[in-house]
């Protein structure tokens, strides 16, 4: 596993929760949004276990809907508990990020 994949693994739950703050979405759309944000392609074998774990933890609710054309989709929505966890853990991540940036900048990395 390359470093970038390892870093992503550590923050993917938060990124998925954050991607749902604008309203409900489905797996492919979440993966596409993260790819467009610069995180690269996130495969279903990585994303769907995260979504399942978040659902089991009560941080997202999911609903399967049939489609007029093509396969049905499972739509995910952030719960109140999910918003609280995102707020708390997102703030902790931002503090961590600031600490990492500070040390890297001291080392001459900009």
C-alpha atoms as a PDB file:
ATOM      1  CA  UNK A   1       0.000   0.000   0.000  1.00  0.00           C
ATOM      2  CA  UNK A   2       1.452   3.376  -0.951  1.00  0.00           C
ATOM      3  CA  UNK A   3       1.517   6.216   1.556  1.00  0.00           C
ATOM      4  CA  UNK A   4      -1.308   8.131  -0.092  1.00  0.00           C
ATOM      5  CA  UNK A   5      -3.606   5.097   0.133  1.00  0.00           C
ATOM      6  CA  UNK A   6      -2.626   4.649   3.765  1.00  0.00           C
ATOM      7  CA  UNK A   7      -3.402   8.293   4.542  1.00  0.00           C
ATOM      8  CA  UNK A   8      -6.731   8.046   2.742  1.00  0.00           C
ATOM      9  CA  UNK A   9      -7.667   4.952   4.715  1.00  0.00           C
ATOM     10  CA  UNK A  10      -7.208   6.958   7.919  1.00  0.00           C
ATOM     11  CA  UNK A  11      -9.580   9.731   6.868  1.00  0.00           C
ATOM     12  CA  UNK A  12     -12.035   8.074   4.465  1.00  0.00           C
ATOM     13  CA  UNK A  13     -14.822   7.733   7.044  1.00  0.00           C
ATOM     14  CA  UNK A  14     -14.723  11.495   7.659  1.00  0.00           C
ATOM     15  CA  UNK A  15     -14.604  12.261   3.942  1.00  0.00           C
ATOM     16  CA  UNK A  16     -17.670  10.103   3.322  1.00  0.00           C
ATOM     17  CA  UNK A  17     -19.558  11.757   6.187  1.00  0.00           C
ATOM     18  CA  UNK A  18     -18.552  15.203   4.913  1.00  0.00           C
ATOM     19  CA  UNK A  19     -19.675  14.314   1.389  1.00  0.00           C
ATOM     20  CA  UNK A  20     -23.174  13.685   2.747  1.00  0.00           C
ATOM     21  CA  UNK A  21     -23.609  17.085   4.425  1.00  0.00           C
ATOM     22  CA  UNK A  22     -25.226  18.453   1.269  1.00  0.00           C
ATOM     23  CA  UNK A  23     -27.913  15.772   1.258  1.00  0.00           C
ATOM     24  CA  UNK A  24     -28.416  12.171   0.296  1.00  0.00           C
ATOM     25  CA  UNK A  25     -26.197  10.435  -2.205  1.00  0.00           C
ATOM     26  CA  UNK A  26     -25.269   6.979  -3.471  1.00  0.00           C
ATOM     27  CA  UNK A  27     -21.949   5.157  -3.568  1.00  0.00           C
ATOM     28  CA  UNK A  28     -20.863   5.925  -7.122  1.00  0.00           C
ATOM     29  CA  UNK A  29     -21.646   9.639  -6.704  1.00  0.00           C
ATOM     30  CA  UNK A  30     -19.702   9.766  -3.430  1.00  0.00           C
ATOM     31  CA  UNK A  31     -16.713   8.064  -5.071  1.00  0.00           C
ATOM     32  CA  UNK A  32     -16.889  10.441  -8.044  1.00  0.00           C
ATOM     33  CA  UNK A  33     -17.055  13.494  -5.761  1.00  0.00           C
ATOM     34  CA  UNK A  34     -13.988  12.325  -3.834  1.00  0.00           C
ATOM     35  CA  UNK A  35     -12.121  11.604  -7.079  1.00  0.00           C
ATOM     36  CA  UNK A  36     -12.949  15.092  -8.367  1.00  0.00           C
ATOM     37  CA  UNK A  37     -11.677  16.523  -5.068  1.00  0.00           C
ATOM     38  CA  UNK A  38      -8.246  15.026  -5.724  1.00  0.00           C
ATOM     39  CA  UNK A  39      -8.356  11.794  -3.731  1.00  0.00           C
ATOM     40  CA  UNK A  40      -8.171   9.565  -6.778  1.00  0.00           C
ATOM     41  CA  UNK A  41     -10.392   6.684  -7.747  1.00  0.00           C
ATOM     42  CA  UNK A  42     -11.996   4.968  -4.773  1.00  0.00           C
ATOM     43  CA  UNK A  43     -13.120   1.493  -5.669  1.00  0.00           C
ATOM     44  CA  UNK A  44     -16.346  -0.060  -4.479  1.00  0.00           C
ATOM     45  CA  UNK A  45     -14.382  -2.649  -2.511  1.00  0.00           C
ATOM     46  CA  UNK A  46     -13.015   0.210  -0.434  1.00  0.00           C
ATOM     47  CA  UNK A  47     -16.036   2.524  -0.286  1.00  0.00           C
ATOM     48  CA  UNK A  48     -18.916   0.137   0.397  1.00  0.00           C
ATOM     49  CA  UNK A  49     -17.395  -1.416   3.528  1.00  0.00           C
ATOM     50  CA  UNK A  50     -16.979   2.139   4.861  1.00  0.00           C
ATOM     51  CA  UNK A  51     -20.619   2.958   4.077  1.00  0.00           C
ATOM     52  CA  UNK A  52     -21.755  -0.293   5.713  1.00  0.00           C
ATOM     53  CA  UNK A  53     -19.668   0.421   8.812  1.00  0.00           C
ATOM     54  CA  UNK A  54     -21.066   3.960   9.053  1.00  0.00           C
ATOM     55  CA  UNK A  55     -24.597   2.607   8.699  1.00  0.00           C
ATOM     56  CA  UNK A  56     -24.046  -0.039  11.391  1.00  0.00           C
ATOM     57  CA  UNK A  57     -22.694   2.679  13.694  1.00  0.00           C
ATOM     58  CA  UNK A  58     -25.833   4.774  13.145  1.00  0.00           C
ATOM     59  CA  UNK A  59     -23.931   7.589  11.452  1.00  0.00           C
ATOM     60  CA  UNK A  60     -25.759   7.227   8.139  1.00  0.00           C
ATOM     61  CA  UNK A  61     -29.121   5.811   7.150  1.00  0.00           C
ATOM     62  CA  UNK A  62     -29.518   3.925   3.895  1.00  0.00           C
ATOM     63  CA  UNK A  63     -32.479   3.251   1.639  1.00  0.00           C
ATOM     64  CA  UNK A  64     -32.563   1.078  -1.477  1.00  0.00           C
ATOM     65  CA  UNK A  65     -34.537   2.495  -4.401  1.00  0.00           C
ATOM     66  CA  UNK A  66     -35.366   0.859  -7.679  1.00  0.00           C
ATOM     67  CA  UNK A  67     -34.568   2.772 -10.841  1.00  0.00           C
ATOM     68  CA  UNK A  68     -36.630   3.224 -13.985  1.00  0.00           C
ATOM     69  CA  UNK A  69     -33.564   2.354 -16.039  1.00  0.00           C
ATOM     70  CA  UNK A  70     -30.672   0.224 -14.879  1.00  0.00           C
ATOM     71  CA  UNK A  71     -30.041  -1.220 -11.452  1.00  0.00           C
ATOM     72  CA  UNK A  72     -31.434   0.230  -8.252  1.00  0.00           C
ATOM     73  CA  UNK A  73     -29.294   2.293  -5.926  1.00  0.00           C
ATOM     74  CA  UNK A  74     -28.737   2.475  -2.215  1.00  0.00           C
ATOM     75  CA  UNK A  75     -29.010   6.086  -1.068  1.00  0.00           C
ATOM     76  CA  UNK A  76     -27.226   7.272   2.065  1.00  0.00           C
ATOM     77  CA  UNK A  77     -28.097  10.200   4.300  1.00  0.00           C
ATOM     78  CA  UNK A  78     -26.245  11.626   7.286  1.00  0.00           C
ATOM     79  CA  UNK A  79     -27.936  11.126  10.669  1.00  0.00           C
ATOM     80  CA  UNK A  80     -27.825  13.619  13.540  1.00  0.00           C
ATOM     81  CA  UNK A  81     -25.300  11.350  15.246  1.00  0.00           C
ATOM     82  CA  UNK A  82     -23.264  11.306  12.039  1.00  0.00           C
ATOM     83  CA  UNK A  83     -23.232  15.110  11.983  1.00  0.00           C
ATOM     84  CA  UNK A  84     -22.058  15.188  15.597  1.00  0.00           C
ATOM     85  CA  UNK A  85     -19.272  12.681  14.911  1.00  0.00           C
ATOM     86  CA  UNK A  86     -18.233  14.595  11.791  1.00  0.00           C
ATOM     87  CA  UNK A  87     -18.077  17.829  13.764  1.00  0.00           C
ATOM     88  CA  UNK A  88     -16.056  16.315  16.611  1.00  0.00           C
ATOM     89  CA  UNK A  89     -13.708  14.119  14.608  1.00  0.00           C
ATOM     90  CA  UNK A  90     -13.431  16.653  11.788  1.00  0.00           C
ATOM     91  CA  UNK A  91     -12.193  19.251  14.276  1.00  0.00           C
ATOM     92  CA  UNK A  92      -9.696  16.722  15.655  1.00  0.00           C
ATOM     93  CA  UNK A  93      -8.467  15.979  12.120  1.00  0.00           C
ATOM     94  CA  UNK A  94      -8.046  19.701  11.411  1.00  0.00           C
ATOM     95  CA  UNK A  95      -5.917  20.049  14.569  1.00  0.00           C
ATOM     96  CA  UNK A  96      -3.839  17.053  13.483  1.00  0.00           C
ATOM     97  CA  UNK A  97      -3.446  18.532  10.001  1.00  0.00           C
ATOM     98  CA  UNK A  98      -2.295  21.855  11.470  1.00  0.00           C
ATOM     99  CA  UNK A  99       0.297  20.064  13.608  1.00  0.00           C
ATOM    100  CA  UNK A 100       1.614  18.099  10.629  1.00  0.00           C
ATOM    101  CA  UNK A 101       1.796  21.255   8.512  1.00  0.00           C
ATOM    102  CA  UNK A 102       3.634  23.114  11.270  1.00  0.00           C
ATOM    103  CA  UNK A 103       6.332  20.463  11.585  1.00  0.00           C
ATOM    104  CA  UNK A 104       6.694  20.118   7.811  1.00  0.00           C
ATOM    105  CA  UNK A 105       6.994  23.889   7.384  1.00  0.00           C
ATOM    106  CA  UNK A 106       9.693  23.965  10.081  1.00  0.00           C
ATOM    107  CA  UNK A 107      11.474  21.361   7.970  1.00  0.00           C
ATOM    108  CA  UNK A 108      11.338  23.631   4.937  1.00  0.00           C
ATOM    109  CA  UNK A 109       8.382  21.970   3.205  1.00  0.00           C
ATOM    110  CA  UNK A 110       5.899  24.425   1.724  1.00  0.00           C
END
